[in-house]
PDB file of N, CA and C in Angstrom:
ATOM      1  N   ALA A   1      18.624  -0.494   7.599  1.00  0.00           N
ATOM      2  CA  ALA A   1      18.569   0.292   8.587  1.00  0.00           C
ATOM      3  C   ALA A   1      20.082   1.158   8.717  1.00  0.00           C
ATOM      4  N   ILE A   2      21.265   0.022   8.179  1.00  0.00           N
ATOM      5  CA  ILE A   2      22.411   0.482   8.547  1.00  0.00           C
ATOM      6  C   ILE A   2      22.878   1.441   7.427  1.00  0.00           C
ATOM      7  N   ALA A   3      21.978   1.405   6.150  1.00  0.00           N
ATOM      8  CA  ALA A   3      22.463   2.189   5.155  1.00  0.00           C
ATOM      9  C   ALA A   3      21.777   3.637   5.312  1.00  0.00           C
ATOM     10  N   MET A   4      20.688   3.639   6.297  1.00  0.00           N
ATOM     11  CA  MET A   4      20.212   4.954   6.289  1.00  0.00           C
ATOM     12  C   MET A   4      20.971   5.736   7.449  1.00  0.00           C
ATOM     13  N   LEU A   5      21.748   5.215   8.239  1.00  0.00           N
ATOM     14  CA  LEU A   5      22.776   5.753   9.134  1.00  0.00           C
ATOM     15  C   LEU A   5      24.149   6.166   8.455  1.00  0.00           C
ATOM     16  N   ILE A   6      24.572   5.354   7.547  1.00  0.00           N
ATOM     17  CA  ILE A   6      25.878   5.542   6.851  1.00  0.00           C
ATOM     18  C   ILE A   6      25.966   6.461   5.973  1.00  0.00           C
ATOM     19  N   ALA A   7      24.698   6.304   4.879  1.00  0.00           N
ATOM     20  CA  ALA A   7      24.760   7.251   3.721  1.00  0.00           C
ATOM     21  C   ALA A   7      24.846   8.534   3.587  1.00  0.00           C
ATOM     22  N   PRO A   8      23.943   9.216   4.700  1.00  0.00           N
ATOM     23  CA  PRO A   8      23.860  10.748   4.662  1.00  0.00           C
ATOM     24  C   PRO A   8      25.221  11.172   5.382  1.00  0.00           C
ATOM     25  N   GLY A   9      25.964  10.673   6.237  1.00  0.00           N
ATOM     26  CA  GLY A   9      26.990  10.933   6.754  1.00  0.00           C
ATOM     27  C   GLY A   9      28.095  10.807   5.647  1.00  0.00           C
ATOM     28  N   ALA A  10      28.269   9.729   5.063  1.00  0.00           N
ATOM     29  CA  ALA A  10      29.233   9.475   3.897  1.00  0.00           C
ATOM     30  C   ALA A  10      29.244  10.588   2.889  1.00  0.00           C
ATOM     31  N   THR A  11      27.982  11.043   2.543  1.00  0.00           N
ATOM     32  CA  THR A  11      27.763  11.961   1.516  1.00  0.00           C
ATOM     33  C   THR A  11      28.259  13.298   1.896  1.00  0.00           C
ATOM     34  N   ALA A  12      27.570  13.762   3.165  1.00  0.00           N
ATOM     35  CA  ALA A  12      28.044  15.002   3.813  1.00  0.00           C
ATOM     36  C   ALA A  12      29.623  15.009   3.905  1.00  0.00           C
ATOM     37  N   PHE A  13      30.214  13.968   4.423  1.00  0.00           N
ATOM     38  CA  PHE A  13      31.761  13.949   4.436  1.00  0.00           C
ATOM     39  C   PHE A  13      32.406  14.442   3.020  1.00  0.00           C
ATOM     40  N   LEU A  14      31.799  14.011   2.039  1.00  0.00           N
ATOM     41  CA  LEU A  14      32.338  14.242   0.553  1.00  0.00           C
ATOM     42  C   LEU A  14      32.183  15.683   0.204  1.00  0.00           C
ATOM     43  N   LEU A  15      30.893  16.143   0.683  1.00  0.00           N
ATOM     44  CA  LEU A  15      30.679  17.660   0.265  1.00  0.00           C
ATOM     45  C   LEU A  15      31.258  18.940   1.202  1.00  0.00           C
ATOM     46  N   THR A  16      31.461  18.390   2.502  1.00  0.00           N
ATOM     47  CA  THR A  16      32.172  19.362   3.437  1.00  0.00           C
ATOM     48  C   THR A  16      33.145  19.112   4.294  1.00  0.00           C
ATOM     49  N   ARG A  17      33.774  20.047   4.831  1.00  0.00           N
ATOM     50  CA  ARG A  17      34.994  19.825   5.609  1.00  0.00           C
ATOM     51  C   ARG A  17      34.841  19.964   7.188  1.00  0.00           C
ATOM     52  N   ARG A  18      34.109  21.011   7.418  1.00  0.00           N
ATOM     53  CA  ARG A  18      33.719  21.512   8.808  1.00  0.00           C
ATOM     54  C   ARG A  18      32.735  20.567   9.502  1.00  0.00           C
ATOM     55  N   PHE A  19      32.748  20.115  10.696  1.00  0.00           N
ATOM     56  CA  PHE A  19      31.985  19.106  11.162  1.00  0.00           C
ATOM     57  C   PHE A  19      30.581  19.651  11.344  1.00  0.00           C
ATOM     58  N   GLU A  20      30.428  20.908  11.667  1.00  0.00           N
ATOM     59  CA  GLU A  20      29.170  21.628  11.826  1.00  0.00           C
ATOM     60  C   GLU A  20      28.480  21.374  10.668  1.00  0.00           C
ATOM     61  N   ALA A  21      29.132  21.870   9.631  1.00  0.00           N
ATOM     62  CA  ALA A  21      28.409  21.966   8.133  1.00  0.00           C
ATOM     63  C   ALA A  21      28.200  20.401   7.979  1.00  0.00           C
ATOM     64  N   MET A  22      28.991  19.497   8.165  1.00  0.00           N
ATOM     65  CA  MET A  22      28.801  18.198   7.896  1.00  0.00           C
ATOM     66  C   MET A  22      27.491  17.587   8.569  1.00  0.00           C
ATOM     67  N   VAL A  23      27.201  17.864   9.746  1.00  0.00           N
ATOM     68  CA  VAL A  23      26.089  17.396  10.559  1.00  0.00           C
ATOM     69  C   VAL A  23      24.723  17.943   9.813  1.00  0.00           C
ATOM     70  N   ALA A  24      24.717  19.535   9.456  1.00  0.00           N
ATOM     71  CA  ALA A  24      23.745  20.114   8.968  1.00  0.00           C
ATOM     72  C   ALA A  24      23.321  19.326   7.514  1.00  0.00           C
ATOM     73  N   VAL A  25      24.184  19.178   6.666  1.00  0.00           N
ATOM     74  CA  VAL A  25      24.191  18.530   5.445  1.00  0.00           C
ATOM     75  C   VAL A  25      23.620  17.162   5.395  1.00  0.00           C
ATOM     76  N   SER A  26      24.256  16.363   6.398  1.00  0.00           N
ATOM     77  CA  SER A  26      23.736  15.063   6.726  1.00  0.00           C
ATOM     78  C   SER A  26      22.335  14.870   6.958  1.00  0.00           C
ATOM     79  N   MET A  27      21.815  15.866   7.759  1.00  0.00           N
ATOM     80  CA  MET A  27      20.504  15.799   8.421  1.00  0.00           C
ATOM     81  C   MET A  27      19.656  16.349   7.355  1.00  0.00           C
ATOM     82  N   LEU A  28      20.058  17.283   6.578  1.00  0.00           N
ATOM     83  CA  LEU A  28      19.025  17.671   5.206  1.00  0.00           C
ATOM     84  C   LEU A  28      19.149  16.728   4.165  1.00  0.00           C
ATOM     85  N   ILE A  29      20.113  15.890   3.895  1.00  0.00           N
ATOM     86  CA  ILE A  29      20.166  14.759   3.106  1.00  0.00           C
ATOM     87  C   ILE A  29      19.254  13.691   3.703  1.00  0.00           C
ATOM     88  N   ALA A  30      19.330  13.382   4.824  1.00  0.00           N
ATOM     89  CA  ALA A  30      18.658  12.207   5.506  1.00  0.00           C
ATOM     90  C   ALA A  30      17.015  12.551   5.438  1.00  0.00           C
ATOM     91  N   THR A  31      16.907  13.907   5.799  1.00  0.00           N
ATOM     92  CA  THR A  31      15.526  14.163   5.771  1.00  0.00           C
ATOM     93  C   THR A  31      14.742  14.340   4.356  1.00  0.00           C
ATOM     94  N   ALA A  32      15.589  14.845   3.360  1.00  0.00           N
ATOM     95  CA  ALA A  32      15.068  14.793   2.060  1.00  0.00           C
ATOM     96  C   ALA A  32      14.831  13.463   1.489  1.00  0.00           C
ATOM     97  N   CYS A  33      15.850  12.804   1.562  1.00  0.00           N
ATOM     98  CA  CYS A  33      15.438  11.288   1.016  1.00  0.00           C
ATOM     99  C   CYS A  33      14.445  10.510   1.493  1.00  0.00           C
ATOM    100  N   ALA A  34      14.384  10.716   3.045  1.00  0.00           N
ATOM    101  CA  ALA A  34      13.365  10.160   3.686  1.00  0.00           C
ATOM    102  C   ALA A  34      11.673  10.382   3.014  1.00  0.00           C
ATOM    103  N   PHE A  35      11.783  11.707   2.849  1.00  0.00           N
ATOM    104  CA  PHE A  35      10.294  12.325   2.550  1.00  0.00           C
ATOM    105  C   PHE A  35      10.189  11.984   1.014  1.00  0.00           C
ATOM    106  N   PHE A  36      11.084  12.320   0.097  1.00  0.00           N
ATOM    107  CA  PHE A  36      11.106  12.039  -1.170  1.00  0.00           C
ATOM    108  C   PHE A  36      11.028  10.394  -1.618  1.00  0.00           C
ATOM    109  N   GLY A  37      11.571   9.628  -0.761  1.00  0.00           N
ATOM    110  CA  GLY A  37      11.443   8.001  -0.816  1.00  0.00           C
ATOM    111  C   GLY A  37      10.227   7.633  -0.540  1.00  0.00           C
ATOM    112  N   VAL A  38       9.536   8.097   0.603  1.00  0.00           N
ATOM    113  CA  VAL A  38       8.227   7.594   0.912  1.00  0.00           C
ATOM    114  C   VAL A  38       7.198   8.096   0.156  1.00  0.00           C
ATOM    115  N   TYR A  39       7.516   9.222  -0.514  1.00  0.00           N
ATOM    116  CA  TYR A  39       6.359   9.945  -1.688  1.00  0.00           C
ATOM    117  C   TYR A  39       6.616   9.276  -2.880  1.00  0.00           C
ATOM    118  N   LEU A  40       7.912   9.015  -3.310  1.00  0.00           N
ATOM    119  CA  LEU A  40       8.000   7.981  -4.441  1.00  0.00           C
ATOM    120  C   LEU A  40       7.416   6.781  -4.252  1.00  0.00           C
ATOM    121  N   SER A  41       7.891   5.992  -3.231  1.00  0.00           N
ATOM    122  CA  SER A  41       7.423   4.600  -3.003  1.00  0.00           C
ATOM    123  C   SER A  41       5.638   4.276  -3.061  1.00  0.00           C
ATOM    124  N   PHE A  42       5.011   5.594  -2.706  1.00  0.00           N
ATOM    125  CA  PHE A  42       3.718   5.473  -2.795  1.00  0.00           C
ATOM    126  C   PHE A  42       3.313   5.255  -4.269  1.00  0.00           C
ATOM    127  N   PHE A  43       3.905   6.260  -5.347  1.00  0.00           N
ATOM    128  CA  PHE A  43       3.517   6.256  -6.625  1.00  0.00           C
ATOM    129  C   PHE A  43       4.135   4.902  -7.346  1.00  0.00           C
ATOM    130  N   ILE A  44       4.866   4.503  -6.966  1.00  0.00           N
ATOM    131  CA  ILE A  44       5.693   3.292  -7.878  1.00  0.00           C
ATOM    132  C   ILE A  44       5.263   2.052  -7.155  1.00  0.00           C
ATOM    133  N   ASP A  45       4.483   2.186  -6.185  1.00  0.00           N
ATOM    134  CA  ASP A  45       3.998   0.925  -5.386  1.00  0.00           C
ATOM    135  C   ASP A  45       5.073  -0.075  -4.848  1.00  0.00           C
ATOM    136  N   SER A  46       5.973   0.609  -4.195  1.00  0.00           N
ATOM    137  CA  SER A  46       7.179  -0.231  -3.608  1.00  0.00           C
ATOM    138  C   SER A  46       7.301  -0.051  -1.878  1.00  0.00           C
ATOM    139  N   ALA A  47       8.099  -0.606  -1.404  1.00  0.00           N
ATOM    140  CA  ALA A  47       8.358  -0.442   0.025  1.00  0.00           C
ATOM    141  C   ALA A  47       9.156   0.663   0.177  1.00  0.00           C
ATOM    142  N   PRO A  48       8.841   1.623   1.161  1.00  0.00           N
ATOM    143  CA  PRO A  48       9.503   2.922   1.468  1.00  0.00           C
ATOM    144  C   PRO A  48      10.930   2.804   2.008  1.00  0.00           C
ATOM    145  N   ALA A  49      11.289   1.860   2.783  1.00  0.00           N
ATOM    146  CA  ALA A  49      12.807   1.760   3.214  1.00  0.00           C
ATOM    147  C   ALA A  49      13.639   1.437   1.969  1.00  0.00           C
ATOM    148  N   PRO A  50      13.512   0.449   1.172  1.00  0.00           N
ATOM    149  CA  PRO A  50      14.449   0.376   0.039  1.00  0.00           C
ATOM    150  C   PRO A  50      14.319   1.594  -0.750  1.00  0.00           C
ATOM    151  N   THR A  51      13.509   1.979  -1.140  1.00  0.00           N
ATOM    152  CA  THR A  51      13.359   3.375  -1.846  1.00  0.00           C
ATOM    153  C   THR A  51      13.938   4.392  -1.350  1.00  0.00           C
ATOM    154  N   ILE A  52      14.080   4.642  -0.047  1.00  0.00           N
ATOM    155  CA  ILE A  52      14.837   5.647   0.604  1.00  0.00           C
ATOM    156  C   ILE A  52      16.187   5.318   0.231  1.00  0.00           C
ATOM    157  N   VAL A  53      16.744   4.145   0.606  1.00  0.00           N
ATOM    158  CA  VAL A  53      18.060   3.864   0.422  1.00  0.00           C
ATOM    159  C   VAL A  53      18.497   3.917  -0.937  1.00  0.00           C
ATOM    160  N   VAL A  54      17.608   3.697  -2.180  1.00  0.00           N
ATOM    161  CA  VAL A  54      18.321   3.753  -3.233  1.00  0.00           C
ATOM    162  C   VAL A  54      18.369   5.314  -3.847  1.00  0.00           C
ATOM    163  N   LEU A  55      17.307   6.195  -3.225  1.00  0.00           N
ATOM    164  CA  LEU A  55      17.629   7.647  -3.238  1.00  0.00           C
ATOM    165  C   LEU A  55      18.908   8.032  -2.715  1.00  0.00           C
ATOM    166  N   MET A  56      19.276   7.625  -1.456  1.00  0.00           N
ATOM    167  CA  MET A  56      20.499   7.977  -0.658  1.00  0.00           C
ATOM    168  C   MET A  56      21.584   7.423  -1.487  1.00  0.00           C
ATOM    169  N   ALA A  57      21.593   6.276  -1.959  1.00  0.00           N
ATOM    170  CA  ALA A  57      22.721   5.947  -2.853  1.00  0.00           C
ATOM    171  C   ALA A  57      22.748   6.941  -4.192  1.00  0.00           C
ATOM    172  N   LEU A  58      21.882   7.144  -4.730  1.00  0.00           N
ATOM    173  CA  LEU A  58      21.787   7.970  -5.812  1.00  0.00           C
ATOM    174  C   LEU A  58      22.440   9.298  -5.573  1.00  0.00           C
ATOM    175  N   VAL A  59      22.269   9.920  -4.285  1.00  0.00           N
ATOM    176  CA  VAL A  59      22.715  11.047  -3.975  1.00  0.00           C
ATOM    177  C   VAL A  59      24.166  11.059  -3.477  1.00  0.00           C
ATOM    178  N   PHE A  60      24.480   9.911  -3.137  1.00  0.00           N
ATOM    179  CA  PHE A  60      26.004   9.778  -2.768  1.00  0.00           C
ATOM    180  C   PHE A  60      26.835   9.625  -3.858  1.00  0.00           C
ATOM    181  N   ILE A  61      26.387   8.823  -5.167  1.00  0.00           N
ATOM    182  CA  ILE A  61      26.725   8.650  -6.306  1.00  0.00           C
ATOM    183  C   ILE A  61      27.281  10.041  -6.960  1.00  0.00           C
ATOM    184  N   ALA A  62      26.056  10.946  -7.053  1.00  0.00           N
ATOM    185  CA  ALA A  62      26.264  12.270  -7.377  1.00  0.00           C
ATOM    186  C   ALA A  62      27.429  13.061  -6.802  1.00  0.00           C
ATOM    187  N   ALA A  63      27.297  13.046  -5.493  1.00  0.00           N
ATOM    188  CA  ALA A  63      28.368  13.533  -4.669  1.00  0.00           C
ATOM    189  C   ALA A  63      29.712  13.081  -4.903  1.00  0.00           C
ATOM    190  N   PHE A  64      29.946  11.900  -5.102  1.00  0.00           N
ATOM    191  CA  PHE A  64      31.153  11.224  -5.347  1.00  0.00           C
ATOM    192  C   PHE A  64      31.767  11.783  -6.854  1.00  0.00           C
ATOM    193  N   ILE A  65      30.879  11.708  -7.932  1.00  0.00           N
ATOM    194  CA  ILE A  65      31.163  12.166  -9.182  1.00  0.00           C
ATOM    195  C   ILE A  65      31.591  13.844  -9.262  1.00  0.00           C
ATOM    196  N   LYS A  66      30.717  14.289  -8.430  1.00  0.00           N
ATOM    197  CA  LYS A  66      31.155  15.817  -8.082  1.00  0.00           C
ATOM    198  C   LYS A  66      32.299  16.047  -7.721  1.00  0.00           C
ATOM    199  N   THR A  67      32.771  15.566  -6.527  1.00  0.00           N
ATOM    200  CA  THR A  67      33.922  15.692  -5.849  1.00  0.00           C
ATOM    201  C   THR A  67      34.926  15.131  -6.501  1.00  0.00           C
ATOM    202  N   THR A  68      34.846  14.157  -7.489  1.00  0.00           N
ATOM    203  CA  THR A  68      36.068  13.429  -8.155  1.00  0.00           C
ATOM    204  C   THR A  68      36.331  14.451  -9.246  1.00  0.00           C
ATOM    205  N   VAL A  69      35.218  15.066 -10.130  1.00  0.00           N
ATOM    206  CA  VAL A  69      35.640  16.113 -11.152  1.00  0.00           C
ATOM    207  C   VAL A  69      36.181  17.346 -10.742  1.00  0.00           C
ATOM    208  N   SER A  70      35.783  17.557  -9.450  1.00  0.00           N
ATOM    209  CA  SER A  70      36.201  18.978  -8.965  1.00  0.00           C
ATOM    210  C   SER A  70      37.851  18.657  -8.617  1.00  0.00           C
ATOM    211  N   ALA A  71      38.054  17.548  -7.844  1.00  0.00           N
ATOM    212  CA  ALA A  71      39.559  17.168  -7.626  1.00  0.00           C
ATOM    213  C   ALA A  71      40.346  17.127  -8.879  1.00  0.00           C
ATOM    214  N   SER A  72      39.789  16.607  -9.970  1.00  0.00           N
ATOM    215  CA  SER A  72      40.625  16.571 -11.169  1.00  0.00           C
ATOM    216  C   SER A  72      40.685  17.740 -11.831  1.00  0.00           C
ATOM    217  N   ARG A  73      39.729  18.715 -11.865  1.00  0.00           N
ATOM    218  CA  ARG A  73      40.040  19.894 -12.334  1.00  0.00           C
ATOM    219  C   ARG A  73      40.974  20.845 -11.442  1.00  0.00           C
ATOM    220  N   ALA A  74      40.969  20.451 -10.193  1.00  0.00           N
ATOM    221  CA  ALA A  74      41.966  21.537  -9.614  1.00  0.00           C
ATOM    222  C   ALA A  74      43.315  20.923  -9.685  1.00  0.00           C
ATOM    223  N   ALA A  75      43.473  19.693  -9.761  1.00  0.00           N
ATOM    224  CA  ALA A  75      44.949  19.076 -10.077  1.00  0.00           C
ATOM    225  C   ALA A  75      45.183  19.542 -11.650  1.00  0.00           C
ATOM    226  N   ALA A  76      44.354  19.378 -12.571  1.00  0.00           N
ATOM    227  CA  ALA A  76      44.712  19.855 -14.013  1.00  0.00           C
ATOM    228  C   ALA A  76      45.213  21.338 -13.915  1.00  0.00           C
ATOM    229  N   ALA A  77      44.479  22.242 -13.103  1.00  0.00           N
ATOM    230  CA  ALA A  77      44.758  23.830 -13.057  1.00  0.00           C
ATOM    231  C   ALA A  77      46.145  23.956 -12.442  1.00  0.00           C
ATOM    232  N   ARG A  78      46.729  23.284 -11.772  1.00  0.00           N
ATOM    233  CA  ARG A  78      48.049  23.043 -11.265  1.00  0.00           C
ATOM    234  C   ARG A  78      49.098  22.962 -12.113  1.00  0.00           C
TER     235      ARG A  78
END
């Protein structure tokens, strides 16, 4: 349950800087991961909550990699 509260906000923090945008992105990530996590858990015959958390972790890792690559490219351009 803690991961479902923390992961969307942490991911949105990596992707945005304004609070309003952060809230909107966080809600979008949480809703999408919840929907696709439940949907995917039905087909792979697993529990829904861990599947949702795994999807949120994958989204966080993707956002972290995107932010890191963008920052390194910006630093190299200077």
